[in-house]
Amino acid sequence: MKTFLAVYIGRPNPDQSGEDFRRDNPQKVAEGMAAWGKWMTDHAAAVVVPGGPLGKTKAASAKGVSDVRNALTGFTIVQAESHEAAVKMFLNHPHYTHFPGESVEVMEVLPIPGA
């Protein structure tokens, strides 16, 4: 079994925060969370870390620490036999069928070289 990181992508809307979306769309959020719960139950055997939503981002670099914006909105870690099998778990995922999400990007977590 291989391990995969699934990253939920959604373009930031400068006019609406996640809190605004939840406040303004309670029915849509309730339906989305029910769908999310079903997805988690349906894939429980493959989910290693349920993950969750991501908040504001800070970046560390040689220049110091800065506030940055990106399109990452959440993550989940799953196990599957192959990359293809892992990504297929996210077809019709509630992230983009019920929420204003754009996609789910899935990448294999590789072993640390020399470890």
PDB file of N, CA and C in Angstrom:
ATOM      1  N   MET A   1       0.850  -1.179   0.000  1.00  0.00           N
ATOM      2  CA  MET A   1       0.000   0.000   0.000  1.00  0.00           C
ATOM      3  C   MET A   1       0.893   1.238   0.000  1.00  0.00           C
ATOM      4  N   LYS A   2       0.513   2.206  -0.802  1.00  0.00           N
ATOM      5  CA  LYS A   2       1.246   3.467  -0.876  1.00  0.00           C
ATOM      6  C   LYS A   2       0.425   4.547  -0.174  1.00  0.00           C
ATOM      7  N   THR A   3       1.110   5.592   0.245  1.00  0.00           N
ATOM      8  CA  THR A   3       0.461   6.698   0.939  1.00  0.00           C
ATOM      9  C   THR A   3       0.410   7.915   0.022  1.00  0.00           C
ATOM     10  N   PHE A   4      -0.718   8.637   0.053  1.00  0.00           N
ATOM     11  CA  PHE A   4      -0.932   9.784  -0.824  1.00  0.00           C
ATOM     12  C   PHE A   4      -1.475  10.968  -0.034  1.00  0.00           C
ATOM     13  N   LEU A   5      -0.991  12.135  -0.391  1.00  0.00           N
ATOM     14  CA  LEU A   5      -1.491  13.387   0.161  1.00  0.00           C
ATOM     15  C   LEU A   5      -2.464  13.985  -0.841  1.00  0.00           C
ATOM     16  N   ALA A   6      -3.685  14.227  -0.413  1.00  0.00           N
ATOM     17  CA  ALA A   6      -4.686  14.881  -1.255  1.00  0.00           C
ATOM     18  C   ALA A   6      -4.839  16.305  -0.741  1.00  0.00           C
ATOM     19  N   VAL A   7      -4.643  17.262  -1.642  1.00  0.00           N
ATOM     20  CA  VAL A   7      -4.731  18.667  -1.279  1.00  0.00           C
ATOM     21  C   VAL A   7      -5.935  19.264  -1.997  1.00  0.00           C
ATOM     22  N   TYR A   8      -6.813  19.877  -1.220  1.00  0.00           N
ATOM     23  CA  TYR A   8      -8.010  20.501  -1.776  1.00  0.00           C
ATOM     24  C   TYR A   8      -7.651  21.911  -2.241  1.00  0.00           C
ATOM     25  N   ILE A   9      -8.020  22.228  -3.487  1.00  0.00           N
ATOM     26  CA  ILE A   9      -7.672  23.498  -4.111  1.00  0.00           C
ATOM     27  C   ILE A   9      -8.935  24.320  -4.322  1.00  0.00           C
ATOM     28  N   GLY A  10      -8.855  25.577  -4.002  1.00  0.00           N
ATOM     29  CA  GLY A  10      -9.952  26.507  -4.238  1.00  0.00           C
ATOM     30  C   GLY A  10      -9.384  27.912  -4.320  1.00  0.00           C
ATOM     31  N   ARG A  11      -9.694  28.607  -5.350  1.00  0.00           N
ATOM     32  CA  ARG A  11      -9.164  29.964  -5.519  1.00  0.00           C
ATOM     33  C   ARG A  11      -9.749  30.894  -4.467  1.00  0.00           C
ATOM     34  N   PRO A  12      -8.907  31.638  -3.779  1.00  0.00           N
ATOM     35  CA  PRO A  12      -9.412  32.570  -2.765  1.00  0.00           C
ATOM     36  C   PRO A  12     -10.321  33.627  -3.385  1.00  0.00           C
ATOM     37  N   ASN A  13     -11.414  33.878  -2.726  1.00  0.00           N
ATOM     38  CA  ASN A  13     -12.337  34.924  -3.151  1.00  0.00           C
ATOM     39  C   ASN A  13     -12.115  36.106  -2.207  1.00  0.00           C
ATOM     40  N   PRO A  14     -11.519  37.185  -2.699  1.00  0.00           N
ATOM     41  CA  PRO A  14     -11.218  38.306  -1.797  1.00  0.00           C
ATOM     42  C   PRO A  14     -12.473  38.951  -1.213  1.00  0.00           C
ATOM     43  N   ASP A  15     -13.627  38.721  -1.834  1.00  0.00           N
ATOM     44  CA  ASP A  15     -14.866  39.324  -1.350  1.00  0.00           C
ATOM     45  C   ASP A  15     -15.597  38.461  -0.335  1.00  0.00           C
ATOM     46  N   GLN A  16     -15.139  37.205  -0.140  1.00  0.00           N
ATOM     47  CA  GLN A  16     -15.864  36.329   0.774  1.00  0.00           C
ATOM     48  C   GLN A  16     -14.902  35.373   1.455  1.00  0.00           C
ATOM     49  N   SER A  17     -14.882  35.392   2.776  1.00  0.00           N
ATOM     50  CA  SER A  17     -14.065  34.461   3.539  1.00  0.00           C
ATOM     51  C   SER A  17     -14.827  33.149   3.700  1.00  0.00           C
ATOM     52  N   GLY A  18     -14.131  32.137   4.213  1.00  0.00           N
ATOM     53  CA  GLY A  18     -14.805  30.873   4.508  1.00  0.00           C
ATOM     54  C   GLY A  18     -15.927  31.073   5.508  1.00  0.00           C
ATOM     55  N   GLU A  19     -15.697  31.954   6.496  1.00  0.00           N
ATOM     56  CA  GLU A  19     -16.742  32.256   7.475  1.00  0.00           C
ATOM     57  C   GLU A  19     -17.952  32.885   6.790  1.00  0.00           C
ATOM     58  N   ASP A  20     -17.700  33.807   5.847  1.00  0.00           N
ATOM     59  CA  ASP A  20     -18.797  34.447   5.115  1.00  0.00           C
ATOM     60  C   ASP A  20     -19.594  33.411   4.334  1.00  0.00           C
ATOM     61  N   PHE A  21     -18.883  32.501   3.658  1.00  0.00           N
ATOM     62  CA  PHE A  21     -19.560  31.473   2.871  1.00  0.00           C
ATOM     63  C   PHE A  21     -20.446  30.625   3.771  1.00  0.00           C
ATOM     64  N   ARG A  22     -19.905  30.193   4.926  1.00  0.00           N
ATOM     65  CA  ARG A  22     -20.680  29.360   5.842  1.00  0.00           C
ATOM     66  C   ARG A  22     -21.906  30.120   6.377  1.00  0.00           C
ATOM     67  N   ARG A  23     -21.734  31.389   6.713  1.00  0.00           N
ATOM     68  CA  ARG A  23     -22.838  32.194   7.240  1.00  0.00           C
ATOM     69  C   ARG A  23     -23.914  32.424   6.183  1.00  0.00           C
ATOM     70  N   ASP A  24     -23.501  32.702   4.946  1.00  0.00           N
ATOM     71  CA  ASP A  24     -24.447  33.059   3.885  1.00  0.00           C
ATOM     72  C   ASP A  24     -25.094  31.859   3.201  1.00  0.00           C
ATOM     73  N   ASN A  25     -24.568  30.654   3.416  1.00  0.00           N
ATOM     74  CA  ASN A  25     -25.058  29.460   2.717  1.00  0.00           C
ATOM     75  C   ASN A  25     -25.254  28.283   3.675  1.00  0.00           C
ATOM     76  N   PRO A  26     -26.015  28.459   4.755  1.00  0.00           N
ATOM     77  CA  PRO A  26     -26.104  27.384   5.751  1.00  0.00           C
ATOM     78  C   PRO A  26     -26.648  26.070   5.194  1.00  0.00           C
ATOM     79  N   GLN A  27     -27.634  26.131   4.303  1.00  0.00           N
ATOM     80  CA  GLN A  27     -28.196  24.897   3.742  1.00  0.00           C
ATOM     81  C   GLN A  27     -27.166  24.189   2.869  1.00  0.00           C
ATOM     82  N   LYS A  28     -26.465  24.948   2.041  1.00  0.00           N
ATOM     83  CA  LYS A  28     -25.445  24.368   1.169  1.00  0.00           C
ATOM     84  C   LYS A  28     -24.313  23.761   1.995  1.00  0.00           C
ATOM     85  N   VAL A  29     -23.936  24.446   3.064  1.00  0.00           N
ATOM     86  CA  VAL A  29     -22.884  23.928   3.943  1.00  0.00           C
ATOM     87  C   VAL A  29     -23.348  22.642   4.618  1.00  0.00           C
ATOM     88  N   ALA A  30     -24.576  22.608   5.104  1.00  0.00           N
ATOM     89  CA  ALA A  30     -25.111  21.403   5.759  1.00  0.00           C
ATOM     90  C   ALA A  30     -25.131  20.227   4.784  1.00  0.00           C
ATOM     91  N   GLU A  31     -25.587  20.468   3.562  1.00  0.00           N
ATOM     92  CA  GLU A  31     -25.607  19.409   2.544  1.00  0.00           C
ATOM     93  C   GLU A  31     -24.184  18.959   2.210  1.00  0.00           C
ATOM     94  N   GLY A  32     -23.271  19.912   2.101  1.00  0.00           N
ATOM     95  CA  GLY A  32     -21.884  19.582   1.801  1.00  0.00           C
ATOM     96  C   GLY A  32     -21.228  18.772   2.905  1.00  0.00           C
ATOM     97  N   MET A  33     -21.487  19.147   4.155  1.00  0.00           N
ATOM     98  CA  MET A  33     -20.896  18.410   5.274  1.00  0.00           C
ATOM     99  C   MET A  33     -21.471  16.996   5.374  1.00  0.00           C
ATOM    100  N   ALA A  34     -22.753  16.843   5.055  1.00  0.00           N
ATOM    101  CA  ALA A  34     -23.345  15.497   5.029  1.00  0.00           C
ATOM    102  C   ALA A  34     -22.678  14.659   3.940  1.00  0.00           C
ATOM    103  N   ALA A  35     -22.465  15.268   2.765  1.00  0.00           N
ATOM    104  CA  ALA A  35     -21.800  14.559   1.662  1.00  0.00           C
ATOM    105  C   ALA A  35     -20.356  14.231   2.037  1.00  0.00           C
ATOM    106  N   TRP A  36     -19.693  15.163   2.702  1.00  0.00           N
ATOM    107  CA  TRP A  36     -18.302  14.942   3.140  1.00  0.00           C
ATOM    108  C   TRP A  36     -18.255  13.760   4.119  1.00  0.00           C
ATOM    109  N   GLY A  37     -19.179  13.750   5.078  1.00  0.00           N
ATOM    110  CA  GLY A  37     -19.237  12.649   6.032  1.00  0.00           C
ATOM    111  C   GLY A  37     -19.458  11.311   5.354  1.00  0.00           C
ATOM    112  N   LYS A  38     -20.325  11.292   4.353  1.00  0.00           N
ATOM    113  CA  LYS A  38     -20.559  10.055   3.600  1.00  0.00           C
ATOM    114  C   LYS A  38     -19.291   9.639   2.862  1.00  0.00           C
ATOM    115  N   TRP A  39     -18.604  10.608   2.237  1.00  0.00           N
ATOM    116  CA  TRP A  39     -17.355  10.286   1.536  1.00  0.00           C
ATOM    117  C   TRP A  39     -16.351   9.689   2.521  1.00  0.00           C
ATOM    118  N   MET A  40     -16.220  10.283   3.694  1.00  0.00           N
ATOM    119  CA  MET A  40     -15.273   9.778   4.702  1.00  0.00           C
ATOM    120  C   MET A  40     -15.658   8.363   5.142  1.00  0.00           C
ATOM    121  N   THR A  41     -16.937   8.108   5.334  1.00  0.00           N
ATOM    122  CA  THR A  41     -17.394   6.774   5.719  1.00  0.00           C
ATOM    123  C   THR A  41     -17.138   5.773   4.595  1.00  0.00           C
ATOM    124  N   ASP A  42     -17.461   6.154   3.368  1.00  0.00           N
ATOM    125  CA  ASP A  42     -17.265   5.268   2.219  1.00  0.00           C
ATOM    126  C   ASP A  42     -15.795   4.916   2.004  1.00  0.00           C
ATOM    127  N   HIS A  43     -14.886   5.808   2.400  1.00  0.00           N
ATOM    128  CA  HIS A  43     -13.450   5.606   2.175  1.00  0.00           C
ATOM    129  C   HIS A  43     -12.679   5.398   3.481  1.00  0.00           C
ATOM    130  N   ALA A  44     -13.380   5.060   4.556  1.00  0.00           N
ATOM    131  CA  ALA A  44     -12.759   4.942   5.880  1.00  0.00           C
ATOM    132  C   ALA A  44     -11.562   3.990   5.895  1.00  0.00           C
ATOM    133  N   ALA A  45     -11.627   2.905   5.148  1.00  0.00           N
ATOM    134  CA  ALA A  45     -10.527   1.940   5.140  1.00  0.00           C
ATOM    135  C   ALA A  45      -9.263   2.520   4.513  1.00  0.00           C
ATOM    136  N   ALA A  46      -9.398   3.521   3.658  1.00  0.00           N
ATOM    137  CA  ALA A  46      -8.250   4.109   2.964  1.00  0.00           C
ATOM    138  C   ALA A  46      -7.729   5.374   3.637  1.00  0.00           C
ATOM    139  N   VAL A  47      -8.547   6.013   4.483  1.00  0.00           N
ATOM    140  CA  VAL A  47      -8.148   7.284   5.091  1.00  0.00           C
ATOM    141  C   VAL A  47      -7.183   7.037   6.248  1.00  0.00           C
ATOM    142  N   VAL A  48      -5.978   7.594   6.122  1.00  0.00           N
ATOM    143  CA  VAL A  48      -4.953   7.479   7.163  1.00  0.00           C
ATOM    144  C   VAL A  48      -5.068   8.654   8.126  1.00  0.00           C
ATOM    145  N   VAL A  49      -5.203   9.855   7.577  1.00  0.00           N
ATOM    146  CA  VAL A  49      -5.380  11.080   8.356  1.00  0.00           C
ATOM    147  C   VAL A  49      -6.548  11.839   7.728  1.00  0.00           C
ATOM    148  N   PRO A  50      -7.635  12.063   8.467  1.00  0.00           N
ATOM    149  CA  PRO A  50      -8.769  12.770   7.882  1.00  0.00           C
ATOM    150  C   PRO A  50      -8.404  14.173   7.401  1.00  0.00           C
ATOM    151  N   GLY A  51      -7.427  14.796   8.053  1.00  0.00           N
ATOM    152  CA  GLY A  51      -7.030  16.143   7.672  1.00  0.00           C
ATOM    153  C   GLY A  51      -8.066  17.150   8.101  1.00  0.00           C
ATOM    154  N   GLY A  52      -8.220  18.198   7.299  1.00  0.00           N
ATOM    155  CA  GLY A  52      -9.176  19.232   7.634  1.00  0.00           C
ATOM    156  C   GLY A  52      -8.926  20.484   6.827  1.00  0.00           C
ATOM    157  N   PRO A  53      -9.701  21.526   7.106  1.00  0.00           N
ATOM    158  CA  PRO A  53      -9.526  22.785   6.391  1.00  0.00           C
ATOM    159  C   PRO A  53      -8.221  23.458   6.818  1.00  0.00           C
ATOM    160  N   LEU A  54      -7.705  24.297   5.940  1.00  0.00           N
ATOM    161  CA  LEU A  54      -6.475  25.033   6.223  1.00  0.00           C
ATOM    162  C   LEU A  54      -6.785  26.511   6.413  1.00  0.00           C
ATOM    163  N   GLY A  55      -6.071  27.133   7.329  1.00  0.00           N
ATOM    164  CA  GLY A  55      -6.270  28.549   7.612  1.00  0.00           C
ATOM    165  C   GLY A  55      -5.283  29.425   6.858  1.00  0.00           C
ATOM    166  N   LYS A  56      -5.084  30.622   7.371  1.00  0.00           N
ATOM    167  CA  LYS A  56      -4.177  31.586   6.752  1.00  0.00           C
ATOM    168  C   LYS A  56      -2.772  31.011   6.703  1.00  0.00           C
ATOM    169  N   THR A  57      -1.994  31.443   5.712  1.00  0.00           N
ATOM    170  CA  THR A  57      -0.673  30.890   5.466  1.00  0.00           C
ATOM    171  C   THR A  57       0.424  31.900   5.754  1.00  0.00           C
ATOM    172  N   LYS A  58       1.494  31.427   6.364  1.00  0.00           N
ATOM    173  CA  LYS A  58       2.722  32.192   6.533  1.00  0.00           C
ATOM    174  C   LYS A  58       3.828  31.382   5.875  1.00  0.00           C
ATOM    175  N   ALA A  59       4.786  32.068   5.282  1.00  0.00           N
ATOM    176  CA  ALA A  59       5.908  31.408   4.624  1.00  0.00           C
ATOM    177  C   ALA A  59       7.198  31.783   5.342  1.00  0.00           C
ATOM    178  N   ALA A  60       8.075  30.802   5.506  1.00  0.00           N
ATOM    179  CA  ALA A  60       9.412  31.041   6.047  1.00  0.00           C
ATOM    180  C   ALA A  60      10.404  30.888   4.907  1.00  0.00           C
ATOM    181  N   SER A  61      11.333  31.829   4.806  1.00  0.00           N
ATOM    182  CA  SER A  61      12.360  31.766   3.769  1.00  0.00           C
ATOM    183  C   SER A  61      13.635  32.393   4.314  1.00  0.00           C
ATOM    184  N   ALA A  62      14.653  32.439   3.493  1.00  0.00           N
ATOM    185  CA  ALA A  62      15.909  33.073   3.893  1.00  0.00           C
ATOM    186  C   ALA A  62      15.701  34.550   4.231  1.00  0.00           C
ATOM    187  N   LYS A  63      14.627  35.132   3.726  1.00  0.00           N
ATOM    188  CA  LYS A  63      14.326  36.553   3.987  1.00  0.00           C
ATOM    189  C   LYS A  63      13.502  36.754   5.257  1.00  0.00           C
ATOM    190  N   GLY A  64      13.073  35.670   5.877  1.00  0.00           N
ATOM    191  CA  GLY A  64      12.274  35.782   7.092  1.00  0.00           C
ATOM    192  C   GLY A  64      10.896  35.180   6.920  1.00  0.00           C
ATOM    193  N   VAL A  65       9.938  35.706   7.653  1.00  0.00           N
ATOM    194  CA  VAL A  65       8.564  35.203   7.654  1.00  0.00           C
ATOM    195  C   VAL A  65       7.662  36.241   6.991  1.00  0.00           C
ATOM    196  N   SER A  66       6.743  35.749   6.161  1.00  0.00           N
ATOM    197  CA  SER A  66       5.802  36.660   5.499  1.00  0.00           C
ATOM    198  C   SER A  66       4.435  36.008   5.389  1.00  0.00           C
ATOM    199  N   ASP A  67       3.415  36.848   5.287  1.00  0.00           N
ATOM    200  CA  ASP A  67       2.059  36.362   5.026  1.00  0.00           C
ATOM    201  C   ASP A  67       1.944  36.133   3.524  1.00  0.00           C
ATOM    202  N   VAL A  68       1.351  35.003   3.134  1.00  0.00           N
ATOM    203  CA  VAL A  68       1.158  34.695   1.719  1.00  0.00           C
ATOM    204  C   VAL A  68      -0.248  34.155   1.504  1.00  0.00           C
ATOM    205  N   ARG A  69      -0.684  34.161   0.257  1.00  0.00           N
ATOM    206  CA  ARG A  69      -1.968  33.576  -0.119  1.00  0.00           C
ATOM    207  C   ARG A  69      -1.709  32.489  -1.138  1.00  0.00           C
ATOM    208  N   ASN A  70      -2.465  31.415  -1.040  1.00  0.00           N
ATOM    209  CA  ASN A  70      -2.393  30.349  -2.022  1.00  0.00           C
ATOM    210  C   ASN A  70      -3.786  29.749  -2.173  1.00  0.00           C
ATOM    211  N   ALA A  71      -3.891  28.742  -2.989  1.00  0.00           N
ATOM    212  CA  ALA A  71      -5.195  28.142  -3.270  1.00  0.00           C
ATOM    213  C   ALA A  71      -5.455  26.875  -2.457  1.00  0.00           C
ATOM    214  N   LEU A  72      -4.601  26.575  -1.486  1.00  0.00           N
ATOM    215  CA  LEU A  72      -4.781  25.373  -0.676  1.00  0.00           C
ATOM    216  C   LEU A  72      -5.869  25.616   0.365  1.00  0.00           C
ATOM    217  N   THR A  73      -6.852  24.718   0.408  1.00  0.00           N
ATOM    218  CA  THR A  73      -7.963  24.904   1.341  1.00  0.00           C
ATOM    219  C   THR A  73      -8.104  23.777   2.364  1.00  0.00           C
ATOM    220  N   GLY A  74      -7.462  22.635   2.128  1.00  0.00           N
ATOM    221  CA  GLY A  74      -7.563  21.520   3.055  1.00  0.00           C
ATOM    222  C   GLY A  74      -6.730  20.347   2.577  1.00  0.00           C
ATOM    223  N   PHE A  75      -6.709  19.272   3.373  1.00  0.00           N
ATOM    224  CA  PHE A  75      -5.935  18.090   2.996  1.00  0.00           C
ATOM    225  C   PHE A  75      -6.513  16.836   3.631  1.00  0.00           C
ATOM    226  N   THR A  76      -6.164  15.700   3.055  1.00  0.00           N
ATOM    227  CA  THR A  76      -6.479  14.367   3.581  1.00  0.00           C
ATOM    228  C   THR A  76      -5.325  13.461   3.171  1.00  0.00           C
ATOM    229  N   ILE A  77      -4.987  12.490   4.000  1.00  0.00           N
ATOM    230  CA  ILE A  77      -3.969  11.498   3.643  1.00  0.00           C
ATOM    231  C   ILE A  77      -4.661  10.141   3.522  1.00  0.00           C
ATOM    232  N   VAL A  78      -4.439   9.484   2.387  1.00  0.00           N
ATOM    233  CA  VAL A  78      -5.066   8.193   2.119  1.00  0.00           C
ATOM    234  C   VAL A  78      -4.013   7.164   1.712  1.00  0.00           C
ATOM    235  N   GLN A  79      -4.405   5.905   1.750  1.00  0.00           N
ATOM    236  CA  GLN A  79      -3.578   4.813   1.231  1.00  0.00           C
ATOM    237  C   GLN A  79      -4.321   4.152   0.085  1.00  0.00           C
ATOM    238  N   ALA A  80      -3.545   3.727  -0.922  1.00  0.00           N
ATOM    239  CA  ALA A  80      -4.114   3.028  -2.068  1.00  0.00           C
ATOM    240  C   ALA A  80      -3.019   2.191  -2.713  1.00  0.00           C
ATOM    241  N   GLU A  81      -3.415   1.266  -3.563  1.00  0.00           N
ATOM    242  CA  GLU A  81      -2.458   0.408  -4.261  1.00  0.00           C
ATOM    243  C   GLU A  81      -1.653   1.179  -5.303  1.00  0.00           C
ATOM    244  N   SER A  82      -2.267   2.229  -5.884  1.00  0.00           N
ATOM    245  CA  SER A  82      -1.599   2.979  -6.953  1.00  0.00           C
ATOM    246  C   SER A  82      -2.044   4.439  -6.933  1.00  0.00           C
ATOM    247  N   HIS A  83      -1.288   5.249  -7.650  1.00  0.00           N
ATOM    248  CA  HIS A  83      -1.642   6.663  -7.776  1.00  0.00           C
ATOM    249  C   HIS A  83      -3.010   6.796  -8.440  1.00  0.00           C
ATOM    250  N   GLU A  84      -3.241   6.008  -9.476  1.00  0.00           N
ATOM    251  CA  GLU A  84      -4.519   6.029 -10.186  1.00  0.00           C
ATOM    252  C   GLU A  84      -5.675   5.674  -9.251  1.00  0.00           C
ATOM    253  N   ALA A  85      -5.493   4.657  -8.427  1.00  0.00           N
ATOM    254  CA  ALA A  85      -6.546   4.262  -7.486  1.00  0.00           C
ATOM    255  C   ALA A  85      -6.799   5.362  -6.455  1.00  0.00           C
ATOM    256  N   ALA A  86      -5.727   6.020  -6.016  1.00  0.00           N
ATOM    257  CA  ALA A  86      -5.876   7.093  -5.025  1.00  0.00           C
ATOM    258  C   ALA A  86      -6.658   8.262  -5.604  1.00  0.00           C
ATOM    259  N   VAL A  87      -6.283   8.704  -6.797  1.00  0.00           N
ATOM    260  CA  VAL A  87      -6.954   9.880  -7.370  1.00  0.00           C
ATOM    261  C   VAL A  87      -8.412   9.572  -7.716  1.00  0.00           C
ATOM    262  N   LYS A  88      -8.706   8.349  -8.082  1.00  0.00           N
ATOM    263  CA  LYS A  88     -10.093   7.989  -8.414  1.00  0.00           C
ATOM    264  C   LYS A  88     -11.020   8.086  -7.200  1.00  0.00           C
ATOM    265  N   MET A  89     -10.457   7.982  -5.986  1.00  0.00           N
ATOM    266  CA  MET A  89     -11.278   8.142  -4.782  1.00  0.00           C
ATOM    267  C   MET A  89     -11.913   9.523  -4.731  1.00  0.00           C
ATOM    268  N   PHE A  90     -11.280  10.492  -5.377  1.00  0.00           N
ATOM    269  CA  PHE A  90     -11.719  11.875  -5.277  1.00  0.00           C
ATOM    270  C   PHE A  90     -12.591  12.340  -6.447  1.00  0.00           C
ATOM    271  N   LEU A  91     -12.923  11.425  -7.356  1.00  0.00           N
ATOM    272  CA  LEU A  91     -13.883  11.773  -8.404  1.00  0.00           C
ATOM    273  C   LEU A  91     -15.217  12.098  -7.735  1.00  0.00           C
ATOM    274  N   ASN A  92     -15.850  13.155  -8.125  1.00  0.00           N
ATOM    275  CA  ASN A  92     -17.136  13.578  -7.557  1.00  0.00           C
ATOM    276  C   ASN A  92     -17.086  13.848  -6.054  1.00  0.00           C
ATOM    277  N   HIS A  93     -15.935  14.302  -5.577  1.00  0.00           N
ATOM    278  CA  HIS A  93     -15.766  14.615  -4.157  1.00  0.00           C
ATOM    279  C   HIS A  93     -16.595  15.849  -3.773  1.00  0.00           C
ATOM    280  N   PRO A  94     -17.146  15.895  -2.567  1.00  0.00           N
ATOM    281  CA  PRO A  94     -17.945  17.046  -2.145  1.00  0.00           C
ATOM    282  C   PRO A  94     -17.193  18.380  -2.185  1.00  0.00           C
ATOM    283  N   HIS A  95     -15.866  18.347  -2.149  1.00  0.00           N
ATOM    284  CA  HIS A  95     -15.098  19.601  -2.181  1.00  0.00           C
ATOM    285  C   HIS A  95     -15.476  20.461  -3.381  1.00  0.00           C
ATOM    286  N   TYR A  96     -15.707  19.856  -4.507  1.00  0.00           N
ATOM    287  CA  TYR A  96     -16.068  20.642  -5.686  1.00  0.00           C
ATOM    288  C   TYR A  96     -17.481  20.365  -6.197  1.00  0.00           C
ATOM    289  N   THR A  97     -18.177  19.419  -5.595  1.00  0.00           N
ATOM    290  CA  THR A  97     -19.575  19.219  -5.989  1.00  0.00           C
ATOM    291  C   THR A  97     -20.540  19.963  -5.074  1.00  0.00           C
ATOM    292  N   HIS A  98     -20.136  20.267  -3.824  1.00  0.00           N
ATOM    293  CA  HIS A  98     -21.013  20.946  -2.871  1.00  0.00           C
ATOM    294  C   HIS A  98     -20.453  22.267  -2.347  1.00  0.00           C
ATOM    295  N   PHE A  99     -19.155  22.467  -2.484  1.00  0.00           N
ATOM    296  CA  PHE A  99     -18.510  23.675  -1.988  1.00  0.00           C
ATOM    297  C   PHE A  99     -17.890  24.419  -3.168  1.00  0.00           C
ATOM    298  N   PRO A 100     -17.408  25.625  -2.947  1.00  0.00           N
ATOM    299  CA  PRO A 100     -16.790  26.349  -4.062  1.00  0.00           C
ATOM    300  C   PRO A 100     -15.345  25.923  -4.314  1.00  0.00           C
ATOM    301  N   GLY A 101     -15.051  24.636  -4.163  1.00  0.00           N
ATOM    302  CA  GLY A 101     -13.718  24.125  -4.425  1.00  0.00           C
ATOM    303  C   GLY A 101     -13.484  23.914  -5.906  1.00  0.00           C
ATOM    304  N   GLU A 102     -12.225  23.922  -6.280  1.00  0.00           N
ATOM    305  CA  GLU A 102     -11.852  23.806  -7.693  1.00  0.00           C
ATOM    306  C   GLU A 102     -11.445  22.383  -8.074  1.00  0.00           C
ATOM    307  N   SER A 103     -10.613  21.754  -7.247  1.00  0.00           N
ATOM    308  CA  SER A 103     -10.119  20.414  -7.567  1.00  0.00           C
ATOM    309  C   SER A 103      -9.492  19.793  -6.321  1.00  0.00           C
ATOM    310  N   VAL A 104      -9.100  18.534  -6.459  1.00  0.00           N
ATOM    311  CA  VAL A 104      -8.331  17.841  -5.435  1.00  0.00           C
ATOM    312  C   VAL A 104      -7.086  17.303  -6.129  1.00  0.00           C
ATOM    313  N   GLU A 105      -5.914  17.730  -5.672  1.00  0.00           N
ATOM    314  CA  GLU A 105      -4.654  17.253  -6.244  1.00  0.00           C
ATOM    315  C   GLU A 105      -4.102  16.158  -5.343  1.00  0.00           C
ATOM    316  N   VAL A 106      -3.704  15.041  -5.955  1.00  0.00           N
ATOM    317  CA  VAL A 106      -3.268  13.869  -5.205  1.00  0.00           C
ATOM    318  C   VAL A 106      -1.840  13.530  -5.595  1.00  0.00           C
ATOM    319  N   MET A 107      -0.960  13.421  -4.595  1.00  0.00           N
ATOM    320  CA  MET A 107       0.436  13.088  -4.861  1.00  0.00           C
ATOM    321  C   MET A 107       0.925  12.030  -3.890  1.00  0.00           C
ATOM    322  N   GLU A 108       1.803  11.150  -4.384  1.00  0.00           N
ATOM    323  CA  GLU A 108       2.353  10.105  -3.537  1.00  0.00           C
ATOM    324  C   GLU A 108       3.335  10.697  -2.534  1.00  0.00           C
ATOM    325  N   VAL A 109       3.281  10.193  -1.308  1.00  0.00           N
ATOM    326  CA  VAL A 109       4.254  10.559  -0.290  1.00  0.00           C
ATOM    327  C   VAL A 109       5.409   9.560  -0.450  1.00  0.00           C
ATOM    328  N   LEU A 110       6.546  10.043  -0.902  1.00  0.00           N
ATOM    329  CA  LEU A 110       7.688   9.190  -1.208  1.00  0.00           C
ATOM    330  C   LEU A 110       8.566   8.981   0.030  1.00  0.00           C
ATOM    331  N   PRO A 111       9.337   7.904   0.042  1.00  0.00           N
ATOM    332  CA  PRO A 111      10.242   7.688   1.173  1.00  0.00           C
ATOM    333  C   PRO A 111      11.341   8.758   1.178  1.00  0.00           C
ATOM    334  N   ILE A 112      11.843   9.058   2.359  1.00  0.00           N
ATOM    335  CA  ILE A 112      12.932  10.010   2.500  1.00  0.00           C
ATOM    336  C   ILE A 112      14.196   9.342   1.951  1.00  0.00           C
ATOM    337  N   PRO A 113      14.900  10.006   1.025  1.00  0.00           N
ATOM    338  CA  PRO A 113      16.111   9.407   0.446  1.00  0.00           C
ATOM    339  C   PRO A 113      17.148   9.076   1.535  1.00  0.00           C
ATOM    340  N   GLY A 114      17.691   7.892   1.454  1.00  0.00           N
ATOM    341  CA  GLY A 114      18.729   7.464   2.389  1.00  0.00           C
ATOM    342  C   GLY A 114      18.225   7.025   3.738  1.00  0.00           C
ATOM    343  N   ALA A 115      16.908   7.066   3.945  1.00  0.00           N
ATOM    344  CA  ALA A 115      16.374   6.684   5.259  1.00  0.00           C
ATOM    345  C   ALA A 115      16.191   5.184   5.339  1.00  0.00           C
TER     346      ALA A 115
END
